[in-house]
PDB file of N, CA and C in Angstrom:
ATOM      1  N   UNK A   1       0.839  -1.227  -0.018  1.00  0.00           N
ATOM      2  CA  UNK A   1       0.044  -0.100   0.052  1.00  0.00           C
ATOM      3  C   UNK A   1       0.944   1.215  -0.028  1.00  0.00           C
ATOM      4  N   UNK A   2       0.639   2.107  -0.855  1.00  0.00           N
ATOM      5  CA  UNK A   2       1.537   3.160  -1.073  1.00  0.00           C
ATOM      6  C   UNK A   2       0.689   4.411  -0.779  1.00  0.00           C
ATOM      7  N   UNK A   3       1.366   5.350  -0.020  1.00  0.00           N
ATOM      8  CA  UNK A   3       0.531   6.705   0.342  1.00  0.00           C
ATOM      9  C   UNK A   3       0.709   7.541  -0.828  1.00  0.00           C
ATOM     10  N   UNK A   4      -0.160   7.911  -1.481  1.00  0.00           N
ATOM     11  CA  UNK A   4      -0.280   8.813  -2.590  1.00  0.00           C
ATOM     12  C   UNK A   4      -0.449  10.391  -2.005  1.00  0.00           C
ATOM     13  N   UNK A   5      -1.142  10.765  -1.010  1.00  0.00           N
ATOM     14  CA  UNK A   5      -1.215  12.040  -0.653  1.00  0.00           C
ATOM     15  C   UNK A   5      -1.862  12.135   0.914  1.00  0.00           C
ATOM     16  N   UNK A   6      -1.575  13.279   1.622  1.00  0.00           N
ATOM     17  CA  UNK A   6      -2.122  13.407   2.822  1.00  0.00           C
ATOM     18  C   UNK A   6      -2.416  14.989   2.894  1.00  0.00           C
ATOM     19  N   UNK A   7      -3.609  15.300   3.328  1.00  0.00           N
ATOM     20  CA  UNK A   7      -4.085  16.606   3.468  1.00  0.00           C
ATOM     21  C   UNK A   7      -4.832  16.697   4.673  1.00  0.00           C
ATOM     22  N   UNK A   8      -4.823  18.061   5.269  1.00  0.00           N
ATOM     23  CA  UNK A   8      -5.581  18.544   6.468  1.00  0.00           C
ATOM     24  C   UNK A   8      -6.676  19.469   5.798  1.00  0.00           C
ATOM     25  N   UNK A   9      -7.916  19.221   6.061  1.00  0.00           N
ATOM     26  CA  UNK A   9      -9.073  20.289   5.783  1.00  0.00           C
ATOM     27  C   UNK A   9      -9.960  20.380   7.044  1.00  0.00           C
ATOM     28  N   UNK A  10      -9.908  21.619   7.539  1.00  0.00           N
ATOM     29  CA  UNK A  10     -10.669  22.042   8.594  1.00  0.00           C
ATOM     30  C   UNK A  10     -10.592  20.901   9.941  1.00  0.00           C
ATOM     31  N   UNK A  11      -9.457  20.634  10.268  1.00  0.00           N
ATOM     32  CA  UNK A  11      -9.094  19.707  11.290  1.00  0.00           C
ATOM     33  C   UNK A  11      -9.591  18.293  10.937  1.00  0.00           C
ATOM     34  N   UNK A  12      -9.767  17.870   9.812  1.00  0.00           N
ATOM     35  CA  UNK A  12      -9.829  16.475   9.239  1.00  0.00           C
ATOM     36  C   UNK A  12      -8.948  16.074   8.377  1.00  0.00           C
ATOM     37  N   UNK A  13      -8.423  14.824   8.531  1.00  0.00           N
ATOM     38  CA  UNK A  13      -7.325  14.151   7.705  1.00  0.00           C
ATOM     39  C   UNK A  13      -7.765  13.413   6.584  1.00  0.00           C
ATOM     40  N   UNK A  14      -7.175  13.814   5.490  1.00  0.00           N
ATOM     41  CA  UNK A  14      -7.655  12.764   4.353  1.00  0.00           C
ATOM     42  C   UNK A  14      -6.446  12.266   3.719  1.00  0.00           C
ATOM     43  N   UNK A  15      -6.495  10.917   3.541  1.00  0.00           N
ATOM     44  CA  UNK A  15      -5.264  10.162   3.054  1.00  0.00           C
ATOM     45  C   UNK A  15      -5.716   9.206   1.844  1.00  0.00           C
ATOM     46  N   UNK A  16      -4.880   9.474   0.690  1.00  0.00           N
ATOM     47  CA  UNK A  16      -5.161   8.670  -0.420  1.00  0.00           C
ATOM     48  C   UNK A  16      -4.035   7.477  -0.562  1.00  0.00           C
ATOM     49  N   UNK A  17      -4.569   6.386  -0.612  1.00  0.00           N
ATOM     50  CA  UNK A  17      -3.552   5.259  -0.749  1.00  0.00           C
ATOM     51  C   UNK A  17      -3.719   4.445  -2.053  1.00  0.00           C
ATOM     52  N   UNK A  18      -2.666   4.265  -2.828  1.00  0.00           N
ATOM     53  CA  UNK A  18      -2.597   3.338  -3.927  1.00  0.00           C
ATOM     54  C   UNK A  18      -2.576   1.891  -3.569  1.00  0.00           C
ATOM     55  N   UNK A  19      -3.432   1.055  -3.751  1.00  0.00           N
ATOM     56  CA  UNK A  19      -3.588  -0.255  -3.612  1.00  0.00           C
ATOM     57  C   UNK A  19      -4.431  -1.154  -4.335  1.00  0.00           C
ATOM     58  N   UNK A  20      -4.261  -2.450  -4.559  1.00  0.00           N
ATOM     59  CA  UNK A  20      -5.260  -3.158  -5.454  1.00  0.00           C
ATOM     60  C   UNK A  20      -6.209  -3.852  -4.506  1.00  0.00           C
ATOM     61  N   UNK A  21      -7.280  -3.464  -4.572  1.00  0.00           N
ATOM     62  CA  UNK A  21      -8.491  -3.971  -3.675  1.00  0.00           C
ATOM     63  C   UNK A  21      -9.416  -5.049  -4.573  1.00  0.00           C
ATOM     64  N   UNK A  22      -8.773  -5.377  -5.645  1.00  0.00           N
ATOM     65  CA  UNK A  22      -9.725  -6.362  -6.532  1.00  0.00           C
ATOM     66  C   UNK A  22      -9.369  -7.606  -6.658  1.00  0.00           C
ATOM     67  N   UNK A  23     -10.057  -8.612  -7.054  1.00  0.00           N
ATOM     68  CA  UNK A  23      -9.856  -9.921  -7.171  1.00  0.00           C
ATOM     69  C   UNK A  23     -10.162 -10.440  -8.629  1.00  0.00           C
ATOM     70  N   UNK A  24      -9.692 -11.532  -9.041  1.00  0.00           N
ATOM     71  CA  UNK A  24      -9.990 -12.011 -10.431  1.00  0.00           C
ATOM     72  C   UNK A  24     -11.418 -12.735 -10.317  1.00  0.00           C
ATOM     73  N   UNK A  25     -12.293 -12.544 -11.311  1.00  0.00           N
ATOM     74  CA  UNK A  25     -13.497 -13.306 -11.576  1.00  0.00           C
ATOM     75  C   UNK A  25     -13.653 -13.485 -12.983  1.00  0.00           C
ATOM     76  N   UNK A  26     -14.413 -14.479 -13.210  1.00  0.00           N
ATOM     77  CA  UNK A  26     -14.606 -14.776 -14.669  1.00  0.00           C
ATOM     78  C   UNK A  26     -15.254 -13.747 -15.460  1.00  0.00           C
ATOM     79  N   UNK A  27     -15.979 -12.747 -14.802  1.00  0.00           N
ATOM     80  CA  UNK A  27     -16.524 -11.461 -15.411  1.00  0.00           C
ATOM     81  C   UNK A  27     -15.551 -10.332 -15.493  1.00  0.00           C
ATOM     82  N   UNK A  28     -14.460 -10.353 -14.778  1.00  0.00           N
ATOM     83  CA  UNK A  28     -13.456  -9.287 -14.578  1.00  0.00           C
ATOM     84  C   UNK A  28     -13.168  -9.145 -13.298  1.00  0.00           C
ATOM     85  N   UNK A  29     -12.625  -7.881 -13.034  1.00  0.00           N
ATOM     86  CA  UNK A  29     -12.138  -7.526 -11.646  1.00  0.00           C
ATOM     87  C   UNK A  29     -13.300  -7.322 -10.672  1.00  0.00           C
ATOM     88  N   UNK A  30     -13.272  -7.727  -9.541  1.00  0.00           N
ATOM     89  CA  UNK A  30     -14.296  -7.547  -8.629  1.00  0.00           C
ATOM     90  C   UNK A  30     -13.657  -7.045  -7.068  1.00  0.00           C
ATOM     91  N   UNK A  31     -14.487  -6.352  -6.333  1.00  0.00           N
ATOM     92  CA  UNK A  31     -14.065  -6.031  -5.098  1.00  0.00           C
ATOM     93  C   UNK A  31     -13.532  -7.269  -4.198  1.00  0.00           C
ATOM     94  N   UNK A  32     -12.371  -7.209  -3.663  1.00  0.00           N
ATOM     95  CA  UNK A  32     -11.643  -8.402  -3.089  1.00  0.00           C
ATOM     96  C   UNK A  32     -12.177  -8.279  -1.517  1.00  0.00           C
ATOM     97  N   UNK A  33     -13.034  -9.343  -1.094  1.00  0.00           N
ATOM     98  CA  UNK A  33     -13.726  -9.486   0.277  1.00  0.00           C
ATOM     99  C   UNK A  33     -13.046 -10.510   1.075  1.00  0.00           C
ATOM    100  N   UNK A  34     -11.779 -10.828   0.730  1.00  0.00           N
ATOM    101  CA  UNK A  34     -10.983 -11.635   1.345  1.00  0.00           C
ATOM    102  C   UNK A  34     -10.798 -11.242   2.784  1.00  0.00           C
ATOM    103  N   UNK A  35     -10.272 -12.194   3.723  1.00  0.00           N
ATOM    104  CA  UNK A  35      -9.941 -11.991   4.960  1.00  0.00           C
ATOM    105  C   UNK A  35      -8.354 -11.095   4.957  1.00  0.00           C
ATOM    106  N   UNK A  36      -7.603 -11.552   4.079  1.00  0.00           N
ATOM    107  CA  UNK A  36      -6.397 -10.754   3.824  1.00  0.00           C
ATOM    108  C   UNK A  36      -6.647  -9.290   3.709  1.00  0.00           C
ATOM    109  N   UNK A  37      -7.599  -9.080   2.683  1.00  0.00           N
ATOM    110  CA  UNK A  37      -7.765  -7.631   2.377  1.00  0.00           C
ATOM    111  C   UNK A  37      -8.543  -6.884   3.384  1.00  0.00           C
ATOM    112  N   UNK A  38      -9.170  -7.625   4.422  1.00  0.00           N
ATOM    113  CA  UNK A  38      -9.833  -7.110   5.461  1.00  0.00           C
ATOM    114  C   UNK A  38      -8.672  -6.679   6.479  1.00  0.00           C
ATOM    115  N   UNK A  39      -7.955  -7.520   6.818  1.00  0.00           N
ATOM    116  CA  UNK A  39      -6.824  -7.361   7.584  1.00  0.00           C
ATOM    117  C   UNK A  39      -5.952  -6.223   7.232  1.00  0.00           C
ATOM    118  N   UNK A  40      -5.477  -6.199   6.046  1.00  0.00           N
ATOM    119  CA  UNK A  40      -4.700  -4.979   5.456  1.00  0.00           C
ATOM    120  C   UNK A  40      -5.337  -3.624   5.701  1.00  0.00           C
ATOM    121  N   UNK A  41      -6.608  -3.549   5.308  1.00  0.00           N
ATOM    122  CA  UNK A  41      -7.243  -2.267   5.429  1.00  0.00           C
ATOM    123  C   UNK A  41      -7.417  -2.147   6.961  1.00  0.00           C
ATOM    124  N   UNK A  42      -7.978  -2.935   7.751  1.00  0.00           N
ATOM    125  CA  UNK A  42      -8.155  -2.601   9.166  1.00  0.00           C
ATOM    126  C   UNK A  42      -6.911  -2.205   9.886  1.00  0.00           C
ATOM    127  N   UNK A  43      -5.696  -2.709   9.682  1.00  0.00           N
ATOM    128  CA  UNK A  43      -4.384  -2.498  10.236  1.00  0.00           C
ATOM    129  C   UNK A  43      -4.091  -0.994   9.683  1.00  0.00           C
ATOM    130  N   UNK A  44      -4.324  -0.730   8.468  1.00  0.00           N
ATOM    131  CA  UNK A  44      -3.958   0.647   8.035  1.00  0.00           C
ATOM    132  C   UNK A  44      -4.737   1.582   8.611  1.00  0.00           C
ATOM    133  N   UNK A  45      -6.100   1.582   8.868  1.00  0.00           N
ATOM    134  CA  UNK A  45      -7.059   2.465   9.289  1.00  0.00           C
ATOM    135  C   UNK A  45      -6.659   2.624  10.933  1.00  0.00           C
ATOM    136  N   UNK A  46      -6.558   1.390  11.631  1.00  0.00           N
ATOM    137  CA  UNK A  46      -6.173   1.755  12.929  1.00  0.00           C
ATOM    138  C   UNK A  46      -4.810   2.324  13.247  1.00  0.00           C
ATOM    139  N   UNK A  47      -3.852   2.255  12.531  1.00  0.00           N
ATOM    140  CA  UNK A  47      -2.594   3.023  12.545  1.00  0.00           C
ATOM    141  C   UNK A  47      -2.774   4.308  12.261  1.00  0.00           C
ATOM    142  N   UNK A  48      -3.482   4.568  11.364  1.00  0.00           N
ATOM    143  CA  UNK A  48      -3.589   5.945  10.848  1.00  0.00           C
ATOM    144  C   UNK A  48      -4.370   6.783  11.916  1.00  0.00           C
ATOM    145  N   UNK A  49      -5.418   5.979  12.600  1.00  0.00           N
ATOM    146  CA  UNK A  49      -6.152   6.777  13.592  1.00  0.00           C
ATOM    147  C   UNK A  49      -5.299   6.917  14.811  1.00  0.00           C
ATOM    148  N   UNK A  50      -4.550   6.018  15.106  1.00  0.00           N
ATOM    149  CA  UNK A  50      -3.663   6.063  16.429  1.00  0.00           C
ATOM    150  C   UNK A  50      -2.458   7.144  16.220  1.00  0.00           C
ATOM    151  N   UNK A  51      -2.045   7.287  15.026  1.00  0.00           N
ATOM    152  CA  UNK A  51      -0.916   7.958  14.729  1.00  0.00           C
ATOM    153  C   UNK A  51      -1.434   9.635  14.637  1.00  0.00           C
ATOM    154  N   UNK A  52      -2.866   9.797  14.624  1.00  0.00           N
ATOM    155  CA  UNK A  52      -3.431  11.208  14.379  1.00  0.00           C
ATOM    156  C   UNK A  52      -4.456  11.561  15.455  1.00  0.00           C
ATOM    157  N   UNK A  53      -4.073  11.469  16.674  1.00  0.00           N
ATOM    158  CA  UNK A  53      -5.119  11.479  17.698  1.00  0.00           C
ATOM    159  C   UNK A  53      -5.672  13.009  17.749  1.00  0.00           C
ATOM    160  N   UNK A  54      -5.294  14.040  17.065  1.00  0.00           N
ATOM    161  CA  UNK A  54      -5.875  15.310  17.333  1.00  0.00           C
ATOM    162  C   UNK A  54      -6.867  15.846  16.387  1.00  0.00           C
ATOM    163  N   UNK A  55      -6.867  15.137  15.393  1.00  0.00           N
ATOM    164  CA  UNK A  55      -8.004  15.418  14.142  1.00  0.00           C
ATOM    165  C   UNK A  55      -9.274  14.895  14.570  1.00  0.00           C
ATOM    166  N   UNK A  56     -10.208  15.642  14.028  1.00  0.00           N
ATOM    167  CA  UNK A  56     -11.482  15.260  14.373  1.00  0.00           C
ATOM    168  C   UNK A  56     -12.265  14.056  13.695  1.00  0.00           C
ATOM    169  N   UNK A  57     -11.626  13.976  12.480  1.00  0.00           N
ATOM    170  CA  UNK A  57     -11.978  12.649  11.627  1.00  0.00           C
ATOM    171  C   UNK A  57     -10.951  12.442  10.686  1.00  0.00           C
ATOM    172  N   UNK A  58     -10.653  11.134  10.155  1.00  0.00           N
ATOM    173  CA  UNK A  58      -9.739  10.648   9.190  1.00  0.00           C
ATOM    174  C   UNK A  58     -10.653  10.081   8.156  1.00  0.00           C
ATOM    175  N   UNK A  59     -10.445  10.497   6.816  1.00  0.00           N
ATOM    176  CA  UNK A  59     -10.944  10.052   5.750  1.00  0.00           C
ATOM    177  C   UNK A  59      -9.842   9.157   4.937  1.00  0.00           C
ATOM    178  N   UNK A  60     -10.247   7.934   4.341  1.00  0.00           N
ATOM    179  CA  UNK A  60      -9.282   7.291   3.472  1.00  0.00           C
ATOM    180  C   UNK A  60     -10.009   7.164   1.999  1.00  0.00           C
ATOM    181  N   UNK A  61      -8.964   7.170   1.045  1.00  0.00           N
ATOM    182  CA  UNK A  61      -9.522   6.819  -0.366  1.00  0.00           C
ATOM    183  C   UNK A  61      -8.491   5.999  -0.794  1.00  0.00           C
ATOM    184  N   UNK A  62      -8.850   4.782  -1.310  1.00  0.00           N
ATOM    185  CA  UNK A  62      -7.876   3.757  -1.720  1.00  0.00           C
ATOM    186  C   UNK A  62      -8.407   3.227  -3.179  1.00  0.00           C
ATOM    187  N   UNK A  63      -7.455   2.792  -3.836  1.00  0.00           N
ATOM    188  CA  UNK A  63      -7.651   2.086  -5.018  1.00  0.00           C
ATOM    189  C   UNK A  63      -6.512   2.106  -5.879  1.00  0.00           C
ATOM    190  N   UNK A  64      -6.581   1.705  -7.128  1.00  0.00           N
ATOM    191  CA  UNK A  64      -5.281   1.424  -8.033  1.00  0.00           C
ATOM    192  C   UNK A  64      -4.772   2.761  -8.470  1.00  0.00           C
ATOM    193  N   UNK A  65      -5.480   3.909  -8.478  1.00  0.00           N
ATOM    194  CA  UNK A  65      -4.878   5.234  -8.839  1.00  0.00           C
ATOM    195  C   UNK A  65      -5.818   6.209  -8.268  1.00  0.00           C
ATOM    196  N   UNK A  66      -5.585   7.550  -8.437  1.00  0.00           N
ATOM    197  CA  UNK A  66      -6.205   8.525  -8.106  1.00  0.00           C
ATOM    198  C   UNK A  66      -7.815   8.623  -8.763  1.00  0.00           C
ATOM    199  N   UNK A  67      -7.689   7.927 -10.103  1.00  0.00           N
ATOM    200  CA  UNK A  67      -8.904   7.929 -10.919  1.00  0.00           C
ATOM    201  C   UNK A  67      -9.683   6.746 -10.535  1.00  0.00           C
ATOM    202  N   UNK A  68      -9.111   5.869  -9.529  1.00  0.00           N
ATOM    203  CA  UNK A  68      -9.838   4.605  -9.394  1.00  0.00           C
ATOM    204  C   UNK A  68     -10.118   4.325  -7.914  1.00  0.00           C
ATOM    205  N   UNK A  69     -10.510   5.227  -7.220  1.00  0.00           N
ATOM    206  CA  UNK A  69     -10.718   5.041  -5.723  1.00  0.00           C
ATOM    207  C   UNK A  69     -11.907   4.269  -5.414  1.00  0.00           C
ATOM    208  N   UNK A  70     -11.866   3.070  -5.324  1.00  0.00           N
ATOM    209  CA  UNK A  70     -13.129   2.275  -5.097  1.00  0.00           C
ATOM    210  C   UNK A  70     -13.475   2.084  -3.753  1.00  0.00           C
ATOM    211  N   UNK A  71     -12.546   2.491  -2.839  1.00  0.00           N
ATOM    212  CA  UNK A  71     -12.823   2.377  -1.253  1.00  0.00           C
ATOM    213  C   UNK A  71     -12.812   3.617  -0.682  1.00  0.00           C
ATOM    214  N   UNK A  72     -13.638   3.971   0.208  1.00  0.00           N
ATOM    215  CA  UNK A  72     -13.723   5.257   0.777  1.00  0.00           C
ATOM    216  C   UNK A  72     -14.034   4.855   2.357  1.00  0.00           C
ATOM    217  N   UNK A  73     -13.665   5.819   3.153  1.00  0.00           N
ATOM    218  CA  UNK A  73     -13.984   5.480   4.750  1.00  0.00           C
ATOM    219  C   UNK A  73     -13.760   6.740   5.357  1.00  0.00           C
ATOM    220  N   UNK A  74     -14.500   6.832   6.587  1.00  0.00           N
ATOM    221  CA  UNK A  74     -14.389   7.948   7.639  1.00  0.00           C
ATOM    222  C   UNK A  74     -14.374   7.386   8.905  1.00  0.00           C
ATOM    223  N   UNK A  75     -13.591   7.746   9.785  1.00  0.00           N
ATOM    224  CA  UNK A  75     -13.632   7.555  11.175  1.00  0.00           C
ATOM    225  C   UNK A  75     -13.704   8.814  11.864  1.00  0.00           C
ATOM    226  N   UNK A  76     -14.722   8.740  12.666  1.00  0.00           N
ATOM    227  CA  UNK A  76     -15.098   9.999  13.461  1.00  0.00           C
ATOM    228  C   UNK A  76     -16.080   9.708  14.605  1.00  0.00           C
ATOM    229  N   UNK A  77     -15.717  10.186  15.798  1.00  0.00           N
ATOM    230  CA  UNK A  77     -16.439  10.040  16.889  1.00  0.00           C
ATOM    231  C   UNK A  77     -16.624   8.534  17.423  1.00  0.00           C
ATOM    232  N   UNK A  78     -15.452   7.731  17.084  1.00  0.00           N
ATOM    233  CA  UNK A  78     -15.624   6.459  17.276  1.00  0.00           C
ATOM    234  C   UNK A  78     -16.259   5.526  16.331  1.00  0.00           C
ATOM    235  N   UNK A  79     -16.843   5.978  15.282  1.00  0.00           N
ATOM    236  CA  UNK A  79     -17.543   5.204  14.361  1.00  0.00           C
ATOM    237  C   UNK A  79     -16.921   5.288  13.049  1.00  0.00           C
ATOM    238  N   UNK A  80     -16.813   4.010  12.418  1.00  0.00           N
ATOM    239  CA  UNK A  80     -16.310   3.847  10.923  1.00  0.00           C
ATOM    240  C   UNK A  80     -17.493   3.916   9.939  1.00  0.00           C
ATOM    241  N   UNK A  81     -17.457   4.586   8.999  1.00  0.00           N
ATOM    242  CA  UNK A  81     -18.531   4.580   7.858  1.00  0.00           C
ATOM    243  C   UNK A  81     -17.646   4.130   6.630  1.00  0.00           C
ATOM    244  N   UNK A  82     -18.157   3.244   5.828  1.00  0.00           N
ATOM    245  CA  UNK A  82     -17.400   2.692   4.662  1.00  0.00           C
ATOM    246  C   UNK A  82     -18.256   2.613   3.492  1.00  0.00           C
ATOM    247  N   UNK A  83     -17.721   3.151   2.331  1.00  0.00           N
ATOM    248  CA  UNK A  83     -18.234   3.092   0.900  1.00  0.00           C
ATOM    249  C   UNK A  83     -17.255   2.314  -0.029  1.00  0.00           C
ATOM    250  N   UNK A  84     -18.005   1.499  -0.718  1.00  0.00           N
ATOM    251  CA  UNK A  84     -17.111   0.545  -1.793  1.00  0.00           C
ATOM    252  C   UNK A  84     -18.049   0.968  -2.793  1.00  0.00           C
ATOM    253  N   UNK A  85     -17.373   1.525  -4.139  1.00  0.00           N
ATOM    254  CA  UNK A  85     -17.957   1.491  -5.364  1.00  0.00           C
ATOM    255  C   UNK A  85     -17.868   0.296  -6.354  1.00  0.00           C
ATOM    256  N   UNK A  86     -18.778  -0.281  -6.583  1.00  0.00           N
ATOM    257  CA  UNK A  86     -18.783  -1.514  -7.457  1.00  0.00           C
ATOM    258  C   UNK A  86     -19.325  -1.399  -8.843  1.00  0.00           C
ATOM    259  N   UNK A  87     -18.710  -2.210  -9.730  1.00  0.00           N
ATOM    260  CA  UNK A  87     -19.216  -2.260 -11.074  1.00  0.00           C
ATOM    261  C   UNK A  87     -20.669  -2.927 -10.906  1.00  0.00           C
ATOM    262  N   UNK A  88     -21.339  -2.813 -11.925  1.00  0.00           N
ATOM    263  CA  UNK A  88     -22.805  -3.234 -12.013  1.00  0.00           C
ATOM    264  C   UNK A  88     -22.909  -4.921 -11.796  1.00  0.00           C
ATOM    265  N   UNK A  89     -21.826  -5.646 -12.423  1.00  0.00           N
ATOM    266  CA  UNK A  89     -21.929  -7.006 -12.290  1.00  0.00           C
ATOM    267  C   UNK A  89     -21.469  -7.566 -10.907  1.00  0.00           C
ATOM    268  N   UNK A  90     -20.522  -6.726 -10.411  1.00  0.00           N
ATOM    269  CA  UNK A  90     -19.945  -6.883  -8.979  1.00  0.00           C
ATOM    270  C   UNK A  90     -21.098  -6.731  -8.126  1.00  0.00           C
ATOM    271  N   UNK A  91     -21.918  -5.621  -8.091  1.00  0.00           N
ATOM    272  CA  UNK A  91     -22.952  -5.308  -7.352  1.00  0.00           C
ATOM    273  C   UNK A  91     -23.876  -6.540  -7.451  1.00  0.00           C
ATOM    274  N   UNK A  92     -24.434  -7.023  -8.663  1.00  0.00           N
ATOM    275  CA  UNK A  92     -25.481  -8.016  -8.887  1.00  0.00           C
ATOM    276  C   UNK A  92     -24.952  -9.517  -8.207  1.00  0.00           C
ATOM    277  N   UNK A  93     -23.611  -9.722  -8.554  1.00  0.00           N
ATOM    278  CA  UNK A  93     -23.171 -10.919  -7.976  1.00  0.00           C
ATOM    279  C   UNK A  93     -22.643 -10.958  -6.609  1.00  0.00           C
ATOM    280  N   UNK A  94     -22.087  -9.826  -6.020  1.00  0.00           N
ATOM    281  CA  UNK A  94     -21.526 -10.040  -4.725  1.00  0.00           C
ATOM    282  C   UNK A  94     -21.998  -9.007  -3.641  1.00  0.00           C
ATOM    283  N   UNK A  95     -22.945  -8.078  -3.855  1.00  0.00           N
ATOM    284  CA  UNK A  95     -23.263  -7.088  -2.988  1.00  0.00           C
ATOM    285  C   UNK A  95     -23.495  -7.863  -1.530  1.00  0.00           C
ATOM    286  N   UNK A  96     -23.912  -8.906  -1.187  1.00  0.00           N
ATOM    287  CA  UNK A  96     -23.963  -9.489   0.095  1.00  0.00           C
ATOM    288  C   UNK A  96     -22.595  -9.628   0.686  1.00  0.00           C
ATOM    289  N   UNK A  97     -21.743 -10.289   0.043  1.00  0.00           N
ATOM    290  CA  UNK A  97     -20.303 -10.398   0.336  1.00  0.00           C
ATOM    291  C   UNK A  97     -19.597  -9.196   0.558  1.00  0.00           C
ATOM    292  N   UNK A  98     -19.870  -8.146  -0.049  1.00  0.00           N
ATOM    293  CA  UNK A  98     -19.277  -6.733   0.132  1.00  0.00           C
ATOM    294  C   UNK A  98     -19.969  -6.286   1.427  1.00  0.00           C
ATOM    295  N   UNK A  99     -21.273  -6.304   1.500  1.00  0.00           N
ATOM    296  CA  UNK A  99     -21.800  -5.735   2.924  1.00  0.00           C
ATOM    297  C   UNK A  99     -21.349  -6.434   4.200  1.00  0.00           C
ATOM    298  N   UNK A 100     -21.070  -7.686   4.028  1.00  0.00           N
ATOM    299  CA  UNK A 100     -20.549  -8.404   5.074  1.00  0.00           C
ATOM    300  C   UNK A 100     -19.359  -8.075   5.245  1.00  0.00           C
ATOM    301  N   UNK A 101     -18.299  -7.881   4.396  1.00  0.00           N
ATOM    302  CA  UNK A 101     -16.937  -7.594   4.483  1.00  0.00           C
ATOM    303  C   UNK A 101     -17.093  -6.173   5.264  1.00  0.00           C
ATOM    304  N   UNK A 102     -17.915  -5.178   4.619  1.00  0.00           N
ATOM    305  CA  UNK A 102     -17.967  -3.797   5.321  1.00  0.00           C
ATOM    306  C   UNK A 102     -18.297  -3.942   6.781  1.00  0.00           C
ATOM    307  N   UNK A 103     -19.198  -4.950   6.943  1.00  0.00           N
ATOM    308  CA  UNK A 103     -19.658  -4.752   8.534  1.00  0.00           C
ATOM    309  C   UNK A 103     -18.531  -5.362   9.257  1.00  0.00           C
ATOM    310  N   UNK A 104     -17.749  -6.374   8.863  1.00  0.00           N
ATOM    311  CA  UNK A 104     -16.747  -7.032   9.610  1.00  0.00           C
ATOM    312  C   UNK A 104     -15.574  -5.994   9.872  1.00  0.00           C
ATOM    313  N   UNK A 105     -15.318  -5.202   8.860  1.00  0.00           N
ATOM    314  CA  UNK A 105     -14.348  -4.182   8.928  1.00  0.00           C
ATOM    315  C   UNK A 105     -14.763  -3.132   9.948  1.00  0.00           C
ATOM    316  N   UNK A 106     -15.952  -2.704   9.881  1.00  0.00           N
ATOM    317  CA  UNK A 106     -16.390  -1.710  10.934  1.00  0.00           C
ATOM    318  C   UNK A 106     -16.505  -2.345  12.120  1.00  0.00           C
ATOM    319  N   UNK A 107     -16.802  -3.356  12.502  1.00  0.00           N
ATOM    320  CA  UNK A 107     -17.041  -4.171  13.839  1.00  0.00           C
ATOM    321  C   UNK A 107     -15.520  -4.229  14.332  1.00  0.00           C
ATOM    322  N   UNK A 108     -14.471  -4.489  13.509  1.00  0.00           N
ATOM    323  CA  UNK A 108     -13.134  -4.818  13.810  1.00  0.00           C
ATOM    324  C   UNK A 108     -12.576  -3.556  14.265  1.00  0.00           C
ATOM    325  N   UNK A 109     -12.711  -2.533  13.556  1.00  0.00           N
ATOM    326  CA  UNK A 109     -12.048  -1.134  13.929  1.00  0.00           C
ATOM    327  C   UNK A 109     -12.801  -0.488  14.909  1.00  0.00           C
ATOM    328  N   UNK A 110     -14.021  -0.481  14.999  1.00  0.00           N
ATOM    329  CA  UNK A 110     -14.714   0.187  16.303  1.00  0.00           C
ATOM    330  C   UNK A 110     -14.435  -0.582  17.392  1.00  0.00           C
ATOM    331  N   UNK A 111     -14.343  -2.019  17.364  1.00  0.00           N
ATOM    332  CA  UNK A 111     -14.009  -2.747  18.637  1.00  0.00           C
ATOM    333  C   UNK A 111     -12.657  -2.486  19.131  1.00  0.00           C
ATOM    334  N   UNK A 112     -11.648  -2.349  18.197  1.00  0.00           N
ATOM    335  CA  UNK A 112     -10.262  -2.042  18.556  1.00  0.00           C
ATOM    336  C   UNK A 112     -10.160  -0.689  19.259  1.00  0.00           C
ATOM    337  N   UNK A 113     -11.064   0.228  19.005  1.00  0.00           N
ATOM    338  CA  UNK A 113     -11.035   1.620  19.687  1.00  0.00           C
ATOM    339  C   UNK A 113     -12.035   1.776  20.931  1.00  0.00           C
ATOM    340  N   UNK A 114     -12.667   0.397  21.246  1.00  0.00           N
ATOM    341  CA  UNK A 114     -13.385   0.495  22.273  1.00  0.00           C
ATOM    342  C   UNK A 114     -14.785   0.856  22.278  1.00  0.00           C
ATOM    343  N   UNK A 115     -15.165   1.079  20.962  1.00  0.00           N
ATOM    344  CA  UNK A 115     -16.599   1.321  20.728  1.00  0.00           C
ATOM    345  C   UNK A 115     -17.563   0.288  20.711  1.00  0.00           C
TER     346      UNK A 115
END
């Protein structure tokens, strides 16, 4: 995972990361809902929050490039909100798996910070 940019706006931290969050599928690239992906993202989020205790919120934008940010999240007041942008076929085939992955990520991060 490569940090592309880090900016502060009105006491909120915004971080862009270049990382591949996709997996191969017969129809093309889909969002990677593996436990390895979950571990990588959770670890990064927890580290960034821990390293920046004075900001009101931390925002993440992750994908293969600045024009392909398929994962976005915000941690604020002990809560994590997650947005994953899916292709139409990925939504049709895997929306339940993506929603379960998002819930697992949210639970893991919020639990780590005592929420």
